[in-house]
């Protein structure tokens, strides 16, 4: 039986985060975070989590509160040996469960990352815009958002 959980990452987890990023580096659809200093900064400004599959690190994700109405989900990574098992969906469901009363949750993904786009759409995200060279890597990104309806 598979058990997915999120474990809050610390400075001590940077080597595991770097290994995850290296496992998906080298494609045009993902801009990895590959230095210790970048991860130290990310740990200070964002909530970073290791995605564990039966206590084995299978991926990571982070989120950042932009203001009282907007949260950014970034850096969803699943090690290729664990991809295709629904781990990203389960991790996203855990995070989205934390944001039941948040007005807008957004993320960015490469327009060629069809599997990620299908996942995000199935979770209620819609494409808002396309931005060229979003991460200064020469590649475009789609900004996708999930907006909760406000009762008036």
N, C-alpha and C. Protein backbone atom coordinates (compact mmCIF):
# COMPACT_ATOMS: atom_id res chain seq x y z
N UNK A 1 0.82 -1.18 0.00
CA UNK A 1 0.00 0.00 0.00
C UNK A 1 0.87 1.25 0.00
N UNK A 2 0.55 2.19 -0.88
CA UNK A 2 1.34 3.41 -0.99
C UNK A 2 0.79 4.45 -0.03
N UNK A 3 1.70 5.13 0.67
CA UNK A 3 1.32 6.21 1.56
C UNK A 3 2.14 7.43 1.17
N UNK A 4 1.45 8.47 0.68
CA UNK A 4 2.11 9.72 0.29
C UNK A 4 1.98 10.71 1.44
N UNK A 5 3.08 11.37 1.75
CA UNK A 5 3.06 12.41 2.78
C UNK A 5 3.98 13.54 2.37
N UNK A 6 3.77 14.69 2.97
CA UNK A 6 4.63 15.84 2.75
C UNK A 6 5.41 16.10 4.03
N UNK A 7 6.72 16.23 3.89
CA UNK A 7 7.60 16.52 5.03
C UNK A 7 8.24 17.87 4.79
N UNK A 8 8.06 18.79 5.72
CA UNK A 8 8.65 20.12 5.57
C UNK A 8 10.17 20.01 5.46
N UNK A 9 10.71 20.62 4.41
CA UNK A 9 12.15 20.54 4.17
C UNK A 9 12.90 21.56 5.02
N UNK A 10 14.13 21.22 5.35
CA UNK A 10 15.03 22.09 6.11
C UNK A 10 16.35 22.18 5.35
N UNK A 11 17.25 22.96 5.89
CA UNK A 11 18.59 23.09 5.29
C UNK A 11 19.23 21.71 5.14
N UNK A 12 19.00 20.82 6.09
CA UNK A 12 19.58 19.48 6.03
C UNK A 12 19.07 18.67 4.83
N UNK A 13 17.93 19.09 4.25
CA UNK A 13 17.36 18.38 3.11
C UNK A 13 17.84 18.89 1.76
N UNK A 14 18.69 19.91 1.76
CA UNK A 14 19.16 20.48 0.49
C UNK A 14 19.81 19.41 -0.41
N UNK A 15 20.65 18.50 0.10
CA UNK A 15 21.20 17.48 -0.81
C UNK A 15 20.11 16.64 -1.50
N UNK A 16 19.06 16.30 -0.78
CA UNK A 16 17.96 15.53 -1.39
C UNK A 16 17.24 16.37 -2.43
N UNK A 17 17.04 17.66 -2.16
CA UNK A 17 16.39 18.56 -3.11
C UNK A 17 17.24 18.71 -4.38
N UNK A 18 18.54 18.84 -4.20
CA UNK A 18 19.44 18.95 -5.36
C UNK A 18 19.41 17.67 -6.20
N UNK A 19 19.37 16.52 -5.56
CA UNK A 19 19.29 15.25 -6.30
C UNK A 19 18.00 15.16 -7.11
N UNK A 20 16.90 15.59 -6.51
CA UNK A 20 15.62 15.59 -7.23
C UNK A 20 15.69 16.49 -8.45
N UNK A 21 16.21 17.69 -8.27
CA UNK A 21 16.30 18.64 -9.37
C UNK A 21 17.20 18.09 -10.49
N UNK A 22 18.31 17.46 -10.12
CA UNK A 22 19.20 16.88 -11.13
C UNK A 22 18.51 15.76 -11.90
N UNK A 23 17.58 15.05 -11.25
CA UNK A 23 16.90 13.93 -11.90
C UNK A 23 15.98 14.39 -13.03
N UNK A 24 15.59 15.67 -13.03
CA UNK A 24 14.70 16.18 -14.08
C UNK A 24 15.34 17.31 -14.88
N UNK A 25 16.60 17.61 -14.61
CA UNK A 25 17.30 18.67 -15.34
C UNK A 25 17.58 18.21 -16.77
N UNK A 26 17.83 19.18 -17.61
CA UNK A 26 18.23 18.85 -18.98
C UNK A 26 17.10 18.80 -19.98
N UNK A 27 15.90 19.13 -19.55
CA UNK A 27 14.80 19.21 -20.50
C UNK A 27 14.38 20.67 -20.61
N UNK A 28 13.77 21.01 -21.73
CA UNK A 28 13.35 22.40 -21.90
C UNK A 28 12.09 22.72 -21.12
N UNK A 29 11.40 21.70 -20.60
CA UNK A 29 10.12 21.95 -19.94
C UNK A 29 10.24 22.21 -18.44
N UNK A 30 11.47 22.14 -17.90
CA UNK A 30 11.63 22.40 -16.47
C UNK A 30 12.91 23.18 -16.24
N UNK A 31 12.84 24.21 -15.42
CA UNK A 31 14.00 25.02 -15.08
C UNK A 31 14.41 24.68 -13.65
N UNK A 32 15.42 23.83 -13.49
CA UNK A 32 15.76 23.33 -12.15
C UNK A 32 16.49 24.34 -11.26
N UNK A 33 16.40 24.11 -9.97
CA UNK A 33 17.14 24.86 -8.96
C UNK A 33 18.32 23.98 -8.58
N UNK A 34 19.53 24.37 -8.99
CA UNK A 34 20.67 23.46 -8.89
C UNK A 34 21.80 23.90 -7.98
N UNK A 35 21.60 24.94 -7.15
CA UNK A 35 22.67 25.32 -6.23
C UNK A 35 22.15 25.36 -4.79
N UNK A 36 23.06 25.16 -3.87
CA UNK A 36 22.72 25.22 -2.45
C UNK A 36 22.18 26.59 -2.07
N UNK A 37 22.81 27.64 -2.59
CA UNK A 37 22.38 29.00 -2.25
C UNK A 37 20.97 29.28 -2.73
N UNK A 38 20.61 28.80 -3.94
CA UNK A 38 19.24 28.98 -4.43
C UNK A 38 18.25 28.30 -3.50
N UNK A 39 18.60 27.10 -3.02
CA UNK A 39 17.71 26.38 -2.12
C UNK A 39 17.63 27.06 -0.76
N UNK A 40 18.73 27.61 -0.29
CA UNK A 40 18.69 28.34 0.99
C UNK A 40 17.72 29.52 0.88
N UNK A 41 17.78 30.25 -0.23
CA UNK A 41 16.86 31.37 -0.45
C UNK A 41 15.41 30.86 -0.53
N UNK A 42 15.21 29.77 -1.24
CA UNK A 42 13.86 29.22 -1.41
C UNK A 42 13.28 28.79 -0.06
N UNK A 43 14.11 28.19 0.79
CA UNK A 43 13.66 27.76 2.11
C UNK A 43 13.27 28.94 3.00
N UNK A 44 13.90 30.10 2.76
CA UNK A 44 13.57 31.29 3.55
C UNK A 44 12.28 31.94 3.09
N UNK A 45 12.00 31.94 1.79
CA UNK A 45 10.83 32.66 1.29
C UNK A 45 9.61 31.78 1.06
N UNK A 46 9.79 30.48 0.98
CA UNK A 46 8.69 29.57 0.64
C UNK A 46 8.56 28.43 1.64
N UNK A 47 7.42 27.78 1.58
CA UNK A 47 7.21 26.53 2.29
C UNK A 47 7.65 25.43 1.33
N UNK A 48 8.70 24.72 1.66
CA UNK A 48 9.25 23.67 0.79
C UNK A 48 9.00 22.32 1.45
N UNK A 49 8.51 21.38 0.66
CA UNK A 49 8.19 20.05 1.17
C UNK A 49 8.81 18.96 0.32
N UNK A 50 9.26 17.93 0.99
CA UNK A 50 9.64 16.69 0.31
C UNK A 50 8.38 15.84 0.21
N UNK A 51 8.16 15.27 -0.95
CA UNK A 51 7.05 14.34 -1.13
C UNK A 51 7.62 12.95 -0.86
N UNK A 52 7.06 12.29 0.16
CA UNK A 52 7.55 10.96 0.50
C UNK A 52 6.53 9.91 0.11
N UNK A 53 7.05 8.84 -0.48
CA UNK A 53 6.27 7.68 -0.88
C UNK A 53 6.72 6.53 0.03
N UNK A 54 5.90 6.20 1.03
CA UNK A 54 6.29 5.19 2.01
C UNK A 54 7.65 5.52 2.63
N UNK A 55 7.82 6.77 3.03
CA UNK A 55 9.02 7.29 3.68
C UNK A 55 10.25 7.40 2.78
N UNK A 56 10.08 7.20 1.47
CA UNK A 56 11.18 7.38 0.51
C UNK A 56 10.92 8.68 -0.25
N UNK A 57 11.93 9.54 -0.36
CA UNK A 57 11.76 10.80 -1.06
C UNK A 57 11.50 10.53 -2.54
N UNK A 58 10.31 10.93 -3.00
CA UNK A 58 9.91 10.72 -4.39
C UNK A 58 9.81 12.03 -5.15
N UNK A 59 9.75 13.14 -4.44
CA UNK A 59 9.60 14.42 -5.12
C UNK A 59 9.63 15.57 -4.14
N UNK A 60 9.31 16.75 -4.67
CA UNK A 60 9.24 17.94 -3.83
C UNK A 60 8.26 18.93 -4.45
N UNK A 61 7.80 19.84 -3.61
CA UNK A 61 7.01 20.95 -4.09
C UNK A 61 7.11 22.07 -3.08
N UNK A 62 6.79 23.26 -3.55
CA UNK A 62 6.84 24.40 -2.66
C UNK A 62 5.65 25.30 -2.94
N UNK A 63 5.34 26.12 -1.97
CA UNK A 63 4.35 27.15 -2.19
C UNK A 63 4.75 28.40 -1.43
N UNK A 64 4.22 29.51 -1.90
CA UNK A 64 4.57 30.80 -1.33
C UNK A 64 3.33 31.67 -1.26
N UNK A 65 3.10 32.26 -0.12
CA UNK A 65 2.00 33.21 0.04
C UNK A 65 2.45 34.54 -0.55
N UNK A 66 1.73 34.99 -1.58
CA UNK A 66 2.07 36.26 -2.21
C UNK A 66 1.38 37.42 -1.50
N UNK A 67 0.13 37.23 -1.12
CA UNK A 67 -0.63 38.18 -0.31
C UNK A 67 -1.81 37.40 0.28
N UNK A 68 -2.75 38.06 0.90
CA UNK A 68 -3.84 37.35 1.58
C UNK A 68 -4.77 36.59 0.63
N UNK A 69 -4.72 36.92 -0.67
CA UNK A 69 -5.62 36.27 -1.62
C UNK A 69 -4.93 35.40 -2.64
N UNK A 70 -3.60 35.44 -2.73
CA UNK A 70 -2.87 34.74 -3.78
C UNK A 70 -1.75 33.88 -3.22
N UNK A 71 -1.75 32.62 -3.63
CA UNK A 71 -0.68 31.70 -3.31
C UNK A 71 -0.08 31.17 -4.60
N UNK A 72 1.23 30.97 -4.60
CA UNK A 72 1.95 30.45 -5.75
C UNK A 72 2.44 29.05 -5.41
N UNK A 73 2.13 28.08 -6.26
CA UNK A 73 2.67 26.73 -6.12
C UNK A 73 3.78 26.59 -7.15
N UNK A 74 4.94 26.19 -6.70
CA UNK A 74 6.08 26.08 -7.62
C UNK A 74 6.90 24.84 -7.37
N UNK A 75 7.71 24.54 -8.33
CA UNK A 75 8.70 23.50 -8.16
C UNK A 75 8.17 22.11 -7.88
N UNK A 76 7.02 21.75 -8.45
CA UNK A 76 6.52 20.38 -8.28
C UNK A 76 7.41 19.46 -9.11
N UNK A 77 8.12 18.57 -8.43
CA UNK A 77 9.04 17.64 -9.08
C UNK A 77 8.78 16.24 -8.54
N UNK A 78 8.69 15.28 -9.44
CA UNK A 78 8.63 13.88 -9.05
C UNK A 78 9.77 13.18 -9.77
N UNK A 79 10.60 12.48 -9.01
CA UNK A 79 11.72 11.74 -9.59
C UNK A 79 11.18 10.83 -10.70
N UNK A 80 11.86 10.79 -11.86
CA UNK A 80 11.36 9.98 -12.98
C UNK A 80 11.04 8.53 -12.63
N UNK A 81 11.73 7.94 -11.68
CA UNK A 81 11.43 6.53 -11.34
C UNK A 81 10.10 6.38 -10.60
N UNK A 82 9.53 7.49 -10.13
CA UNK A 82 8.23 7.46 -9.45
C UNK A 82 7.12 8.09 -10.28
N UNK A 83 7.45 8.63 -11.45
CA UNK A 83 6.44 9.28 -12.27
C UNK A 83 5.43 8.27 -12.80
N UNK A 84 4.23 8.75 -13.07
CA UNK A 84 3.18 7.90 -13.62
C UNK A 84 2.44 7.09 -12.57
N UNK A 85 2.67 7.37 -11.29
CA UNK A 85 2.03 6.62 -10.21
C UNK A 85 0.99 7.44 -9.45
N UNK A 86 0.74 8.66 -9.89
CA UNK A 86 -0.24 9.50 -9.21
C UNK A 86 0.29 10.26 -8.02
N UNK A 87 1.59 10.25 -7.83
CA UNK A 87 2.20 10.91 -6.68
C UNK A 87 2.03 12.42 -6.75
N UNK A 88 2.22 13.01 -7.92
CA UNK A 88 2.06 14.46 -8.06
C UNK A 88 0.62 14.87 -7.74
N UNK A 89 -0.35 14.10 -8.22
CA UNK A 89 -1.76 14.40 -7.95
C UNK A 89 -2.03 14.35 -6.45
N UNK A 90 -1.56 13.32 -5.77
CA UNK A 90 -1.79 13.20 -4.34
C UNK A 90 -1.15 14.35 -3.57
N UNK A 91 0.07 14.72 -3.96
CA UNK A 91 0.75 15.82 -3.29
C UNK A 91 -0.01 17.13 -3.51
N UNK A 92 -0.46 17.35 -4.73
CA UNK A 92 -1.23 18.56 -5.03
C UNK A 92 -2.53 18.59 -4.23
N UNK A 93 -3.19 17.45 -4.10
CA UNK A 93 -4.44 17.39 -3.33
C UNK A 93 -4.19 17.76 -1.86
N UNK A 94 -3.07 17.31 -1.32
CA UNK A 94 -2.73 17.65 0.07
C UNK A 94 -2.56 19.16 0.20
N UNK A 95 -1.81 19.76 -0.72
CA UNK A 95 -1.56 21.20 -0.65
C UNK A 95 -2.85 21.98 -0.90
N UNK A 96 -3.62 21.58 -1.90
CA UNK A 96 -4.86 22.30 -2.18
C UNK A 96 -5.83 22.22 -1.01
N UNK A 97 -5.78 21.14 -0.24
CA UNK A 97 -6.61 21.00 0.95
C UNK A 97 -6.28 22.06 1.99
N UNK A 98 -5.05 22.57 1.98
CA UNK A 98 -4.65 23.61 2.92
C UNK A 98 -5.19 24.99 2.51
N UNK A 99 -5.60 25.11 1.25
CA UNK A 99 -5.99 26.41 0.70
C UNK A 99 -7.47 26.49 0.37
N UNK A 100 -8.31 25.91 1.16
CA UNK A 100 -9.74 25.87 0.87
C UNK A 100 -10.37 27.27 0.80
N UNK A 101 -9.84 28.22 1.52
CA UNK A 101 -10.43 29.56 1.57
C UNK A 101 -9.58 30.62 0.88
N UNK A 102 -8.59 30.19 0.11
CA UNK A 102 -7.74 31.12 -0.62
C UNK A 102 -8.43 31.47 -1.93
N UNK A 103 -8.46 32.75 -2.27
CA UNK A 103 -9.17 33.19 -3.47
C UNK A 103 -8.52 32.68 -4.76
N UNK A 104 -7.19 32.79 -4.86
CA UNK A 104 -6.50 32.43 -6.10
C UNK A 104 -5.21 31.68 -5.80
N UNK A 105 -5.05 30.54 -6.45
CA UNK A 105 -3.83 29.75 -6.36
C UNK A 105 -3.30 29.66 -7.78
N UNK A 106 -2.03 29.97 -7.99
CA UNK A 106 -1.51 29.92 -9.34
C UNK A 106 -0.16 29.21 -9.39
N UNK A 107 0.21 28.84 -10.61
CA UNK A 107 1.47 28.15 -10.86
C UNK A 107 1.86 28.44 -12.30
N UNK A 108 3.06 28.07 -12.67
CA UNK A 108 3.50 28.20 -14.05
C UNK A 108 4.05 26.86 -14.52
N UNK A 109 3.84 26.57 -15.79
CA UNK A 109 4.35 25.34 -16.37
C UNK A 109 4.68 25.58 -17.84
N UNK A 110 5.53 24.76 -18.38
CA UNK A 110 5.90 24.89 -19.79
C UNK A 110 4.72 24.45 -20.65
N UNK A 111 4.43 25.18 -21.74
CA UNK A 111 3.29 24.81 -22.59
C UNK A 111 3.42 23.44 -23.25
N UNK A 112 4.63 22.88 -23.31
CA UNK A 112 4.81 21.54 -23.86
C UNK A 112 4.72 20.43 -22.80
N UNK A 113 4.55 20.80 -21.55
CA UNK A 113 4.46 19.82 -20.47
C UNK A 113 3.01 19.34 -20.37
N UNK A 114 2.61 18.55 -21.34
CA UNK A 114 1.20 18.16 -21.47
C UNK A 114 0.69 17.34 -20.29
N UNK A 115 1.53 16.52 -19.70
CA UNK A 115 1.09 15.73 -18.54
C UNK A 115 0.79 16.64 -17.35
N UNK A 116 1.65 17.62 -17.11
CA UNK A 116 1.42 18.55 -16.00
C UNK A 116 0.17 19.40 -16.26
N UNK A 117 0.02 19.86 -17.49
CA UNK A 117 -1.15 20.68 -17.83
C UNK A 117 -2.43 19.87 -17.62
N UNK A 118 -2.43 18.62 -18.05
CA UNK A 118 -3.62 17.77 -17.85
C UNK A 118 -3.91 17.59 -16.36
N UNK A 119 -2.86 17.38 -15.55
CA UNK A 119 -3.04 17.25 -14.11
C UNK A 119 -3.65 18.53 -13.53
N UNK A 120 -3.06 19.66 -13.85
CA UNK A 120 -3.54 20.92 -13.29
C UNK A 120 -4.98 21.22 -13.72
N UNK A 121 -5.30 20.96 -14.98
CA UNK A 121 -6.68 21.18 -15.44
C UNK A 121 -7.65 20.28 -14.68
N UNK A 122 -7.24 19.04 -14.43
CA UNK A 122 -8.12 18.12 -13.70
C UNK A 122 -8.35 18.56 -12.26
N UNK A 123 -7.48 19.43 -11.76
CA UNK A 123 -7.59 19.95 -10.39
C UNK A 123 -8.25 21.34 -10.36
N UNK A 124 -8.78 21.77 -11.51
CA UNK A 124 -9.51 23.03 -11.55
C UNK A 124 -8.72 24.25 -11.98
N UNK A 125 -7.49 24.07 -12.42
CA UNK A 125 -6.69 25.20 -12.89
C UNK A 125 -7.03 25.49 -14.35
N UNK A 126 -6.98 26.76 -14.71
CA UNK A 126 -7.19 27.17 -16.10
C UNK A 126 -6.02 28.05 -16.53
N UNK A 127 -5.71 28.02 -17.81
CA UNK A 127 -4.64 28.86 -18.33
C UNK A 127 -5.09 30.31 -18.34
N UNK A 128 -4.30 31.18 -17.70
CA UNK A 128 -4.60 32.61 -17.67
C UNK A 128 -3.82 33.38 -18.73
N UNK A 129 -2.55 33.02 -18.88
CA UNK A 129 -1.72 33.76 -19.83
C UNK A 129 -0.49 32.93 -20.18
N UNK A 130 0.19 33.39 -21.19
CA UNK A 130 1.46 32.79 -21.60
C UNK A 130 2.52 33.88 -21.47
N UNK A 131 3.64 33.52 -20.84
CA UNK A 131 4.73 34.48 -20.66
C UNK A 131 6.00 33.91 -21.29
N UNK A 132 6.62 34.71 -22.09
CA UNK A 132 7.87 34.29 -22.75
C UNK A 132 9.04 34.47 -21.78
N UNK A 133 9.97 33.53 -21.82
CA UNK A 133 11.21 33.61 -21.05
C UNK A 133 10.98 33.87 -19.56
N UNK A 134 10.00 33.21 -18.98
CA UNK A 134 9.56 33.44 -17.60
C UNK A 134 10.69 33.26 -16.58
N UNK A 135 11.47 32.20 -16.74
CA UNK A 135 12.56 31.91 -15.79
C UNK A 135 13.92 32.32 -16.34
N UNK A 136 13.95 33.14 -17.37
CA UNK A 136 15.20 33.56 -18.03
C UNK A 136 15.98 32.37 -18.58
N UNK A 137 15.23 31.34 -18.99
CA UNK A 137 15.87 30.17 -19.59
C UNK A 137 15.56 30.06 -21.08
N UNK A 138 14.95 31.11 -21.62
CA UNK A 138 14.63 31.14 -23.04
C UNK A 138 13.36 30.40 -23.41
N UNK A 139 12.64 29.87 -22.42
CA UNK A 139 11.45 29.07 -22.68
C UNK A 139 10.18 29.79 -22.18
N UNK A 140 9.07 29.59 -22.88
CA UNK A 140 7.81 30.18 -22.44
C UNK A 140 7.20 29.39 -21.29
N UNK A 141 6.27 29.99 -20.58
CA UNK A 141 5.52 29.32 -19.53
C UNK A 141 4.07 29.75 -19.60
N UNK A 142 3.18 28.83 -19.21
CA UNK A 142 1.77 29.15 -19.04
C UNK A 142 1.54 29.47 -17.58
N UNK A 143 0.82 30.54 -17.31
CA UNK A 143 0.39 30.85 -15.96
C UNK A 143 -1.00 30.23 -15.84
N UNK A 144 -1.15 29.32 -14.89
CA UNK A 144 -2.42 28.65 -14.67
C UNK A 144 -2.91 28.98 -13.26
N UNK A 145 -4.21 29.18 -13.12
CA UNK A 145 -4.75 29.57 -11.82
C UNK A 145 -6.02 28.80 -11.51
N UNK A 146 -6.24 28.64 -10.22
CA UNK A 146 -7.48 28.06 -9.69
C UNK A 146 -8.09 29.15 -8.81
N UNK A 147 -9.26 29.60 -9.21
CA UNK A 147 -9.90 30.72 -8.52
C UNK A 147 -11.17 30.24 -7.86
N UNK A 148 -11.28 30.50 -6.57
CA UNK A 148 -12.48 30.13 -5.84
C UNK A 148 -13.52 31.21 -6.04
N UNK A 149 -14.74 30.78 -6.22
CA UNK A 149 -15.85 31.72 -6.37
C UNK A 149 -16.15 32.34 -5.01
N UNK A 150 -16.35 33.63 -5.01
CA UNK A 150 -16.70 34.33 -3.76
C UNK A 150 -18.21 34.44 -3.67
N UNK A 151 -18.76 34.07 -2.53
CA UNK A 151 -20.20 34.23 -2.29
C UNK A 151 -20.47 35.68 -1.91
N UNK A 152 -21.42 36.27 -2.59
CA UNK A 152 -21.76 37.68 -2.29
C UNK A 152 -23.19 37.77 -1.90
